[in-house]
């Protein structure tokens, strides 16, 4: 069982608990698992931080910037993280037809609801997020893609562009006769 001791923390008035890591049983300043709450040292914990993920905002909220003990990570989190990476890889191979390429895609049946992204840093990010949402639905083609930008910022000097987009996931094999 863990034996807490109060140790001064990095900020004034803050204290960190010194707990025994449940995996290696070392008495170190421990991090708590975001799932089960058990203490783990930084060597035994699995971090999920934004440096690992291209599209961190498309990662489910219950996984963003969290720490997990190895048991919780292996029992459910690892599969979800692997699924995320598989969708990112499939997204890179999604075929994209813009709105002005309707001649090439006019015979493809459009049955799905459109995917929409907002507040992207650049055009490429907006396109990758559309492709990610398309691949996440199990499709490999997106048609009628429209990307737009608008300026945001206060004052008269510097304003940045924020991108948004929409498109319709389709199966290119389903065509009108």
N, C-alpha and C. Protein backbone atom coordinates (compact mmCIF):
# COMPACT_ATOMS: atom_id res chain seq x y z
N UNK A 1 0.84 -1.18 0.00
CA UNK A 1 0.00 0.00 0.00
C UNK A 1 0.88 1.23 0.00
N UNK A 2 0.43 2.31 -0.62
CA UNK A 2 1.20 3.54 -0.74
C UNK A 2 1.20 4.30 0.58
N UNK A 3 2.34 4.92 0.89
CA UNK A 3 2.49 5.72 2.10
C UNK A 3 2.79 7.16 1.69
N UNK A 4 1.77 8.07 1.73
CA UNK A 4 2.01 9.43 1.27
C UNK A 4 2.83 10.23 2.27
N UNK A 5 3.69 11.07 1.73
CA UNK A 5 4.43 12.05 2.51
C UNK A 5 4.31 13.36 1.75
N UNK A 6 4.09 14.45 2.46
CA UNK A 6 4.00 15.74 1.79
C UNK A 6 5.39 16.27 1.50
N UNK A 7 5.62 16.62 0.27
CA UNK A 7 6.88 17.16 -0.18
C UNK A 7 6.57 18.48 -0.88
N UNK A 8 7.34 19.55 -0.62
CA UNK A 8 7.06 20.82 -1.29
C UNK A 8 7.12 20.65 -2.80
N UNK A 9 6.15 21.22 -3.48
CA UNK A 9 6.09 21.10 -4.92
C UNK A 9 6.78 22.25 -5.61
N UNK A 10 6.71 22.27 -6.94
CA UNK A 10 7.40 23.28 -7.72
C UNK A 10 6.78 24.67 -7.58
N UNK A 11 5.51 24.76 -7.23
CA UNK A 11 4.85 26.05 -7.08
C UNK A 11 4.62 26.33 -5.61
N UNK A 12 4.58 27.59 -5.25
CA UNK A 12 4.36 27.97 -3.86
C UNK A 12 3.06 27.40 -3.34
N UNK A 13 3.12 26.78 -2.20
CA UNK A 13 1.92 26.25 -1.56
C UNK A 13 1.45 24.92 -2.10
N UNK A 14 2.03 24.44 -3.18
CA UNK A 14 1.60 23.18 -3.77
C UNK A 14 2.44 22.05 -3.19
N UNK A 15 1.81 20.93 -2.90
CA UNK A 15 2.56 19.78 -2.41
C UNK A 15 2.31 18.59 -3.33
N UNK A 16 3.32 17.78 -3.48
CA UNK A 16 3.21 16.56 -4.26
C UNK A 16 3.27 15.39 -3.29
N UNK A 17 2.52 14.37 -3.53
CA UNK A 17 2.55 13.19 -2.68
C UNK A 17 3.69 12.29 -3.12
N UNK A 18 4.40 11.76 -2.14
CA UNK A 18 5.39 10.73 -2.43
C UNK A 18 4.70 9.40 -2.16
N UNK A 19 4.53 8.66 -3.23
CA UNK A 19 3.80 7.40 -3.15
C UNK A 19 4.67 6.29 -3.72
N UNK A 20 4.31 5.09 -3.40
CA UNK A 20 5.00 3.94 -3.94
C UNK A 20 4.35 3.55 -5.26
N UNK A 21 5.17 3.45 -6.29
CA UNK A 21 4.68 3.04 -7.61
C UNK A 21 4.16 1.62 -7.50
N UNK A 22 2.99 1.37 -8.02
CA UNK A 22 2.39 0.04 -7.91
C UNK A 22 3.07 -0.99 -8.81
N UNK A 23 3.79 -0.52 -9.83
CA UNK A 23 4.43 -1.47 -10.73
C UNK A 23 5.84 -1.84 -10.28
N UNK A 24 6.69 -0.82 -10.08
CA UNK A 24 8.08 -1.12 -9.72
C UNK A 24 8.33 -1.01 -8.21
N UNK A 25 7.34 -0.54 -7.47
CA UNK A 25 7.38 -0.41 -6.02
C UNK A 25 8.47 0.52 -5.50
N UNK A 26 8.90 1.48 -6.33
CA UNK A 26 9.86 2.49 -5.88
C UNK A 26 9.08 3.63 -5.22
N UNK A 27 9.67 4.21 -4.22
CA UNK A 27 9.03 5.30 -3.49
C UNK A 27 9.49 6.62 -4.13
N UNK A 28 8.73 7.09 -5.11
CA UNK A 28 9.06 8.31 -5.84
C UNK A 28 7.83 9.19 -5.90
N UNK A 29 8.03 10.41 -6.35
CA UNK A 29 6.89 11.25 -6.62
C UNK A 29 6.12 10.60 -7.75
N UNK A 30 4.89 10.28 -7.51
CA UNK A 30 4.14 9.47 -8.47
C UNK A 30 3.14 10.30 -9.24
N UNK A 31 2.85 9.81 -10.41
CA UNK A 31 1.76 10.33 -11.22
C UNK A 31 0.60 9.37 -11.05
N UNK A 32 -0.58 9.90 -11.10
CA UNK A 32 -1.76 9.04 -10.95
C UNK A 32 -2.33 8.71 -12.32
N UNK A 33 -2.76 7.48 -12.48
CA UNK A 33 -3.39 7.04 -13.71
C UNK A 33 -4.68 7.82 -13.92
N UNK A 34 -4.90 8.31 -15.12
CA UNK A 34 -6.11 9.06 -15.42
C UNK A 34 -7.35 8.18 -15.44
N UNK A 35 -7.15 6.88 -15.51
CA UNK A 35 -8.27 5.95 -15.56
C UNK A 35 -8.62 5.38 -14.19
N UNK A 36 -7.65 4.72 -13.55
CA UNK A 36 -7.94 4.04 -12.28
C UNK A 36 -7.43 4.79 -11.06
N UNK A 37 -6.56 5.78 -11.25
CA UNK A 37 -6.05 6.57 -10.14
C UNK A 37 -4.88 5.97 -9.40
N UNK A 38 -4.38 4.83 -9.83
CA UNK A 38 -3.27 4.20 -9.11
C UNK A 38 -1.98 4.98 -9.37
N UNK A 39 -1.09 5.04 -8.37
CA UNK A 39 0.16 5.78 -8.54
C UNK A 39 1.18 5.00 -9.36
N UNK A 40 1.88 5.71 -10.22
CA UNK A 40 2.94 5.13 -11.04
C UNK A 40 4.05 6.16 -11.17
N UNK A 41 5.29 5.70 -11.17
CA UNK A 41 6.40 6.63 -11.39
C UNK A 41 6.48 6.96 -12.87
N UNK A 42 7.24 8.00 -13.22
CA UNK A 42 7.29 8.42 -14.62
C UNK A 42 7.90 7.36 -15.54
N UNK A 43 8.65 6.43 -14.99
CA UNK A 43 9.21 5.36 -15.82
C UNK A 43 8.18 4.28 -16.12
N UNK A 44 7.15 4.17 -15.31
CA UNK A 44 6.17 3.10 -15.46
C UNK A 44 4.84 3.59 -16.06
N UNK A 45 4.72 4.85 -16.31
CA UNK A 45 3.47 5.40 -16.80
C UNK A 45 3.55 5.59 -18.33
N UNK A 46 2.41 5.53 -18.99
CA UNK A 46 2.31 5.77 -20.43
C UNK A 46 1.70 7.15 -20.62
N UNK A 47 2.42 8.03 -21.31
CA UNK A 47 1.96 9.40 -21.54
C UNK A 47 1.27 9.48 -22.89
N UNK A 48 0.19 10.23 -22.94
CA UNK A 48 -0.43 10.57 -24.21
C UNK A 48 -0.44 12.08 -24.27
N UNK A 49 0.51 12.63 -25.03
CA UNK A 49 0.59 14.09 -25.14
C UNK A 49 0.56 14.51 -26.60
N UNK A 50 0.35 15.78 -26.82
CA UNK A 50 0.11 16.26 -28.17
C UNK A 50 1.32 16.16 -29.09
N UNK A 51 2.51 15.97 -28.57
CA UNK A 51 3.68 15.82 -29.42
C UNK A 51 3.65 14.52 -30.23
N UNK A 52 2.90 13.53 -29.77
CA UNK A 52 2.83 12.25 -30.45
C UNK A 52 1.81 12.22 -31.59
N UNK A 53 0.90 13.18 -31.62
CA UNK A 53 -0.25 13.09 -32.51
C UNK A 53 -0.32 14.28 -33.46
N UNK A 54 -0.48 13.98 -34.76
CA UNK A 54 -0.61 15.03 -35.76
C UNK A 54 -1.92 15.80 -35.57
N UNK A 55 -2.96 15.07 -35.29
CA UNK A 55 -4.30 15.66 -35.20
C UNK A 55 -4.85 15.46 -33.79
N UNK A 56 -4.19 16.08 -32.82
CA UNK A 56 -4.55 15.86 -31.41
C UNK A 56 -6.00 16.22 -31.12
N UNK A 57 -6.55 17.22 -31.81
CA UNK A 57 -7.92 17.61 -31.51
C UNK A 57 -8.95 16.60 -32.02
N UNK A 58 -8.54 15.65 -32.86
CA UNK A 58 -9.44 14.59 -33.30
C UNK A 58 -9.33 13.33 -32.44
N UNK A 59 -8.40 13.35 -31.51
CA UNK A 59 -8.27 12.26 -30.54
C UNK A 59 -9.40 12.41 -29.52
N UNK A 60 -10.02 11.32 -29.09
CA UNK A 60 -11.10 11.44 -28.10
C UNK A 60 -10.64 12.19 -26.85
N UNK A 61 -11.52 13.01 -26.30
CA UNK A 61 -11.19 13.85 -25.15
C UNK A 61 -10.70 13.06 -23.95
N UNK A 62 -11.21 11.84 -23.76
CA UNK A 62 -10.80 11.06 -22.60
C UNK A 62 -9.38 10.50 -22.73
N UNK A 63 -8.71 10.75 -23.87
CA UNK A 63 -7.33 10.32 -24.05
C UNK A 63 -6.34 11.49 -24.13
N UNK A 64 -6.82 12.68 -24.40
CA UNK A 64 -5.93 13.83 -24.62
C UNK A 64 -5.18 14.20 -23.35
N UNK A 65 -3.86 14.37 -23.50
CA UNK A 65 -2.98 14.84 -22.43
C UNK A 65 -3.20 14.10 -21.13
N UNK A 66 -3.27 12.80 -21.19
CA UNK A 66 -3.51 11.95 -20.01
C UNK A 66 -2.31 11.06 -19.76
N UNK A 67 -2.27 10.50 -18.56
CA UNK A 67 -1.28 9.50 -18.20
C UNK A 67 -2.02 8.24 -17.75
N UNK A 68 -1.49 7.09 -18.12
CA UNK A 68 -2.14 5.82 -17.79
C UNK A 68 -1.10 4.86 -17.23
N UNK A 69 -1.53 4.09 -16.22
CA UNK A 69 -0.66 3.02 -15.74
C UNK A 69 -0.60 1.97 -16.86
N UNK A 70 0.38 1.12 -16.80
CA UNK A 70 0.56 0.15 -17.89
C UNK A 70 -0.63 -0.81 -18.01
N UNK A 71 -1.25 -1.15 -16.89
CA UNK A 71 -2.40 -2.06 -16.94
C UNK A 71 -3.56 -1.43 -17.71
N UNK A 72 -3.93 -0.21 -17.35
CA UNK A 72 -5.03 0.46 -18.05
C UNK A 72 -4.69 0.70 -19.51
N UNK A 73 -3.44 1.06 -19.78
CA UNK A 73 -3.02 1.32 -21.15
C UNK A 73 -3.17 0.05 -21.99
N UNK A 74 -2.73 -1.08 -21.47
CA UNK A 74 -2.79 -2.33 -22.22
C UNK A 74 -4.21 -2.87 -22.32
N UNK A 75 -5.07 -2.58 -21.34
CA UNK A 75 -6.42 -3.13 -21.33
C UNK A 75 -7.40 -2.38 -22.20
N UNK A 76 -7.07 -1.23 -22.71
CA UNK A 76 -8.05 -0.55 -23.53
C UNK A 76 -7.53 0.67 -24.27
N UNK A 77 -6.61 1.36 -23.68
CA UNK A 77 -6.13 2.59 -24.29
C UNK A 77 -5.26 2.29 -25.50
N UNK A 78 -4.41 1.30 -25.42
CA UNK A 78 -3.49 0.98 -26.53
C UNK A 78 -4.25 0.67 -27.81
N UNK A 79 -5.34 -0.07 -27.72
CA UNK A 79 -6.14 -0.38 -28.91
C UNK A 79 -6.71 0.87 -29.54
N UNK A 80 -7.19 1.78 -28.71
CA UNK A 80 -7.77 3.03 -29.23
C UNK A 80 -6.71 3.92 -29.85
N UNK A 81 -5.53 3.96 -29.27
CA UNK A 81 -4.43 4.75 -29.83
C UNK A 81 -3.98 4.15 -31.15
N UNK A 82 -3.86 2.83 -31.22
CA UNK A 82 -3.48 2.16 -32.47
C UNK A 82 -4.53 2.39 -33.56
N UNK A 83 -5.79 2.36 -33.18
CA UNK A 83 -6.87 2.63 -34.13
C UNK A 83 -6.75 4.06 -34.68
N UNK A 84 -6.44 5.01 -33.81
CA UNK A 84 -6.24 6.40 -34.24
C UNK A 84 -5.12 6.47 -35.29
N UNK A 85 -3.98 5.83 -35.01
CA UNK A 85 -2.86 5.87 -35.95
C UNK A 85 -3.19 5.18 -37.27
N UNK A 86 -3.99 4.11 -37.23
CA UNK A 86 -4.41 3.45 -38.46
C UNK A 86 -5.29 4.37 -39.31
N UNK A 87 -6.18 5.10 -38.66
CA UNK A 87 -7.04 6.03 -39.40
C UNK A 87 -6.20 7.16 -40.00
N UNK A 88 -5.20 7.65 -39.28
CA UNK A 88 -4.32 8.69 -39.82
C UNK A 88 -3.60 8.18 -41.06
N UNK A 89 -3.13 6.95 -41.03
CA UNK A 89 -2.44 6.39 -42.20
C UNK A 89 -3.41 6.23 -43.37
N UNK A 90 -4.62 5.77 -43.11
CA UNK A 90 -5.62 5.65 -44.19
C UNK A 90 -6.00 7.02 -44.73
N UNK A 91 -6.03 8.02 -43.86
CA UNK A 91 -6.41 9.37 -44.27
C UNK A 91 -5.42 9.93 -45.29
N UNK A 92 -4.17 9.53 -45.18
CA UNK A 92 -3.15 10.02 -46.12
C UNK A 92 -3.35 9.46 -47.52
N UNK A 93 -4.17 8.40 -47.64
CA UNK A 93 -4.43 7.79 -48.94
C UNK A 93 -5.84 8.07 -49.46
N UNK A 94 -6.57 8.96 -48.81
CA UNK A 94 -7.93 9.28 -49.25
C UNK A 94 -7.87 10.10 -50.54
N UNK A 95 -8.69 9.71 -51.51
CA UNK A 95 -8.80 10.44 -52.78
C UNK A 95 -9.69 11.66 -52.55
N UNK A 96 -9.24 12.82 -53.04
CA UNK A 96 -9.96 14.07 -52.80
C UNK A 96 -10.35 14.69 -54.13
N UNK A 97 -11.64 15.00 -54.27
CA UNK A 97 -12.15 15.71 -55.44
C UNK A 97 -12.80 17.00 -54.95
N UNK A 98 -12.29 18.13 -55.41
CA UNK A 98 -12.83 19.41 -54.98
C UNK A 98 -14.15 19.69 -55.68
N UNK A 99 -14.81 20.70 -55.23
CA UNK A 99 -16.12 21.07 -55.77
C UNK A 99 -16.03 21.37 -57.27
N UNK A 100 -14.93 21.99 -57.70
CA UNK A 100 -14.81 22.33 -59.12
C UNK A 100 -14.36 21.15 -59.98
N UNK A 101 -14.18 19.95 -59.39
CA UNK A 101 -13.88 18.74 -60.15
C UNK A 101 -15.12 17.87 -60.28
N UNK A 102 -16.28 18.49 -60.33
CA UNK A 102 -17.52 17.72 -60.37
C UNK A 102 -17.64 16.88 -61.64
N UNK A 103 -16.95 17.26 -62.68
CA UNK A 103 -17.00 16.48 -63.92
C UNK A 103 -16.45 15.07 -63.69
N UNK A 104 -15.39 14.95 -62.88
CA UNK A 104 -14.79 13.65 -62.61
C UNK A 104 -15.61 12.82 -61.63
N UNK A 105 -16.37 13.47 -60.78
CA UNK A 105 -17.08 12.74 -59.72
C UNK A 105 -18.59 12.79 -59.83
N UNK A 106 -19.11 13.29 -60.92
CA UNK A 106 -20.56 13.51 -61.01
C UNK A 106 -21.39 12.23 -60.98
N UNK A 107 -20.81 11.09 -61.38
CA UNK A 107 -21.57 9.85 -61.40
C UNK A 107 -21.54 9.10 -60.07
N UNK A 108 -20.73 9.55 -59.14
CA UNK A 108 -20.63 8.89 -57.84
C UNK A 108 -21.83 9.28 -56.98
N UNK A 109 -22.47 8.28 -56.41
CA UNK A 109 -23.64 8.52 -55.57
C UNK A 109 -23.21 9.08 -54.23
N UNK A 110 -23.89 10.14 -53.80
CA UNK A 110 -23.60 10.81 -52.53
C UNK A 110 -24.71 10.50 -51.53
N UNK A 111 -24.44 9.60 -50.61
CA UNK A 111 -25.46 9.20 -49.63
C UNK A 111 -25.13 9.66 -48.21
N UNK A 112 -23.86 9.88 -47.93
CA UNK A 112 -23.41 10.19 -46.57
C UNK A 112 -23.60 11.67 -46.26
N UNK A 113 -23.70 11.94 -44.97
CA UNK A 113 -23.72 13.33 -44.51
C UNK A 113 -22.32 13.92 -44.68
N UNK A 114 -22.23 15.20 -44.96
CA UNK A 114 -20.90 15.80 -45.14
C UNK A 114 -20.09 15.81 -43.84
N UNK A 115 -18.78 15.77 -43.99
CA UNK A 115 -17.87 15.98 -42.87
C UNK A 115 -17.46 17.44 -42.90
N UNK A 116 -17.34 18.03 -41.73
CA UNK A 116 -17.05 19.47 -41.62
C UNK A 116 -15.95 19.67 -40.59
N UNK A 117 -14.99 20.52 -40.93
CA UNK A 117 -13.94 20.90 -39.98
C UNK A 117 -13.89 22.42 -39.91
N UNK A 118 -13.48 22.90 -38.75
CA UNK A 118 -13.39 24.35 -38.52
C UNK A 118 -12.11 24.66 -37.75
N UNK A 119 -11.72 25.91 -37.81
CA UNK A 119 -10.61 26.45 -37.02
C UNK A 119 -9.30 25.70 -37.22
N UNK A 120 -8.92 25.46 -38.46
CA UNK A 120 -7.65 24.81 -38.76
C UNK A 120 -6.59 25.88 -39.03
N UNK A 121 -5.33 25.54 -38.73
CA UNK A 121 -4.24 26.49 -38.86
C UNK A 121 -3.87 26.78 -40.32
N UNK A 122 -4.02 25.79 -41.19
CA UNK A 122 -3.71 26.01 -42.59
C UNK A 122 -4.56 25.10 -43.47
N UNK A 123 -4.43 25.28 -44.76
CA UNK A 123 -5.23 24.54 -45.73
C UNK A 123 -4.95 23.04 -45.68
N UNK A 124 -3.68 22.69 -45.52
CA UNK A 124 -3.29 21.28 -45.48
C UNK A 124 -3.87 20.58 -44.25
N UNK A 125 -3.89 21.27 -43.12
CA UNK A 125 -4.46 20.67 -41.91
C UNK A 125 -5.96 20.44 -42.09
N UNK A 126 -6.65 21.41 -42.70
CA UNK A 126 -8.09 21.25 -42.94
C UNK A 126 -8.35 20.05 -43.85
N UNK A 127 -7.54 19.90 -44.87
CA UNK A 127 -7.71 18.78 -45.80
C UNK A 127 -7.41 17.45 -45.12
N UNK A 128 -6.36 17.41 -44.29
CA UNK A 128 -6.02 16.18 -43.58
C UNK A 128 -7.11 15.80 -42.58
N UNK A 129 -7.70 16.79 -41.92
CA UNK A 129 -8.78 16.49 -40.98
C UNK A 129 -10.02 15.97 -41.70
N UNK A 130 -10.33 16.55 -42.86
CA UNK A 130 -11.45 16.02 -43.65
C UNK A 130 -11.17 14.58 -44.06
N UNK A 131 -9.96 14.32 -44.49
CA UNK A 131 -9.58 12.96 -44.89
C UNK A 131 -9.63 12.01 -43.69
N UNK A 132 -9.22 12.47 -42.51
CA UNK A 132 -9.27 11.65 -41.29
C UNK A 132 -10.71 11.29 -40.96
N UNK A 133 -11.60 12.26 -41.00
CA UNK A 133 -13.02 11.98 -40.70
C UNK A 133 -13.62 11.04 -41.74
N UNK A 134 -13.20 11.18 -42.99
CA UNK A 134 -13.67 10.29 -44.06
C UNK A 134 -13.17 8.87 -43.83
N UNK A 135 -11.88 8.72 -43.55
CA UNK A 135 -11.31 7.40 -43.29
C UNK A 135 -11.91 6.79 -42.03
N UNK A 136 -12.21 7.61 -41.04
CA UNK A 136 -12.83 7.12 -39.81
C UNK A 136 -14.21 6.54 -40.04
N UNK A 137 -14.88 7.00 -41.08
CA UNK A 137 -16.19 6.44 -41.44
C UNK A 137 -16.07 5.23 -42.34
N UNK A 138 -14.85 4.90 -42.74
CA UNK A 138 -14.64 3.70 -43.56
C UNK A 138 -14.61 3.97 -45.05
N UNK A 139 -14.46 5.21 -45.47
CA UNK A 139 -14.42 5.54 -46.89
C UNK A 139 -13.01 5.91 -47.31
N UNK A 140 -12.75 5.80 -48.63
CA UNK A 140 -11.43 6.17 -49.13
C UNK A 140 -11.48 7.30 -50.14
N UNK A 141 -12.65 7.92 -50.32
CA UNK A 141 -12.81 9.02 -51.27
C UNK A 141 -13.72 10.07 -50.67
N UNK A 142 -13.38 11.31 -50.93
CA UNK A 142 -14.22 12.43 -50.49
C UNK A 142 -14.41 13.37 -51.69
N UNK A 143 -15.66 13.77 -51.93
CA UNK A 143 -15.98 14.62 -53.08
C UNK A 143 -16.60 15.92 -52.62
N UNK A 144 -16.72 16.85 -53.58
CA UNK A 144 -17.32 18.16 -53.34
C UNK A 144 -16.63 18.90 -52.19
N UNK A 145 -15.32 18.78 -52.13
CA UNK A 145 -14.54 19.41 -51.05
C UNK A 145 -14.47 20.91 -51.30
N UNK A 146 -14.82 21.64 -50.27
CA UNK A 146 -14.73 23.10 -50.29
C UNK A 146 -13.90 23.54 -49.09
N UNK A 147 -12.86 24.31 -49.35
CA UNK A 147 -12.03 24.85 -48.28
C UNK A 147 -12.13 26.37 -48.34
N UNK A 148 -12.25 26.99 -47.18
CA UNK A 148 -12.34 28.44 -47.14
C UNK A 148 -11.58 28.95 -45.93
N UNK A 149 -11.20 30.21 -46.00
CA UNK A 149 -10.46 30.82 -44.90
C UNK A 149 -11.07 32.17 -44.56
N UNK A 150 -10.83 32.60 -43.35
CA UNK A 150 -11.20 33.96 -42.95
C UNK A 150 -10.16 34.47 -41.97
N UNK A 151 -10.03 35.79 -41.94
CA UNK A 151 -9.03 36.40 -41.07
C UNK A 151 -9.58 36.55 -39.66
N UNK A 152 -8.73 36.28 -38.70
CA UNK A 152 -9.09 36.50 -37.30
C UNK A 152 -7.96 37.27 -36.64
N UNK A 153 -8.30 37.97 -35.59
CA UNK A 153 -7.30 38.73 -34.86
C UNK A 153 -7.85 40.08 -34.49
N UNK A 154 -7.30 40.63 -33.45
CA UNK A 154 -7.75 41.93 -32.99
C UNK A 154 -6.80 43.00 -33.49
N UNK A 155 -7.31 44.19 -33.60
CA UNK A 155 -6.47 45.29 -34.04
C UNK A 155 -6.41 45.37 -35.55
N UNK A 156 -5.68 46.36 -36.01
CA UNK A 156 -5.59 46.59 -37.45
C UNK A 156 -4.38 45.94 -38.09
N UNK A 157 -3.40 45.57 -37.28
CA UNK A 157 -2.16 45.08 -37.87
C UNK A 157 -2.23 43.60 -38.23
N UNK A 158 -1.82 42.72 -37.34
CA UNK A 158 -1.67 41.31 -37.68
C UNK A 158 -2.97 40.55 -37.55
N UNK A 159 -3.31 39.86 -38.58
CA UNK A 159 -4.45 38.95 -38.57
C UNK A 159 -3.97 37.65 -39.18
N UNK A 160 -4.48 36.54 -38.68
CA UNK A 160 -4.09 35.26 -39.26
C UNK A 160 -5.29 34.63 -39.94
N UNK A 161 -5.02 33.70 -40.83
CA UNK A 161 -6.08 32.99 -41.53
C UNK A 161 -6.44 31.73 -40.76
N UNK A 162 -7.72 31.48 -40.65
CA UNK A 162 -8.23 30.25 -40.06
C UNK A 162 -9.04 29.55 -41.14
N UNK A 163 -8.77 28.26 -41.30
CA UNK A 163 -9.37 27.50 -42.39
C UNK A 163 -10.50 26.60 -41.89
N UNK A 164 -11.47 26.40 -42.76
CA UNK A 164 -12.53 25.42 -42.51
C UNK A 164 -12.84 24.74 -43.83
N UNK A 165 -13.53 23.61 -43.72
CA UNK A 165 -13.83 22.87 -44.93
C UNK A 165 -14.95 21.89 -44.74
N UNK A 166 -15.44 21.40 -45.86
CA UNK A 166 -16.49 20.38 -45.85
C UNK A 166 -16.33 19.52 -47.09
N UNK A 167 -16.82 18.30 -47.00
CA UNK A 167 -16.80 17.38 -48.12
C UNK A 167 -17.70 16.20 -47.82
N UNK A 168 -17.98 15.40 -48.83
CA UNK A 168 -18.89 14.28 -48.66
C UNK A 168 -18.12 12.97 -48.89
N UNK A 169 -18.08 12.10 -47.86
CA UNK A 169 -17.44 10.79 -48.05
C UNK A 169 -18.28 9.93 -48.98
N UNK A 170 -17.61 9.24 -49.91
CA UNK A 170 -18.34 8.40 -50.87
C UNK A 170 -17.58 7.11 -51.13
N UNK A 171 -18.31 6.16 -51.67
CA UNK A 171 -17.71 4.93 -52.18
C UNK A 171 -17.71 5.07 -53.71
N UNK A 172 -16.55 5.20 -54.34
CA UNK A 172 -16.52 5.43 -55.80
C UNK A 172 -17.09 4.28 -56.62
N UNK A 173 -17.30 3.12 -56.00
CA UNK A 173 -17.88 1.99 -56.73
C UNK A 173 -19.38 2.14 -56.91
N UNK A 174 -20.01 2.94 -56.03
CA UNK A 174 -21.45 3.19 -56.16
C UNK A 174 -21.66 4.36 -57.10
N UNK A 175 -22.01 4.03 -58.36
CA UNK A 175 -22.18 5.08 -59.36
C UNK A 175 -23.58 5.01 -59.97
N UNK A 176 -24.00 6.18 -60.43
CA UNK A 176 -25.30 6.28 -61.11
C UNK A 176 -25.18 5.58 -62.45
N UNK A 177 -26.28 4.99 -62.87
CA UNK A 177 -26.27 4.28 -64.17
C UNK A 177 -26.81 5.14 -65.26
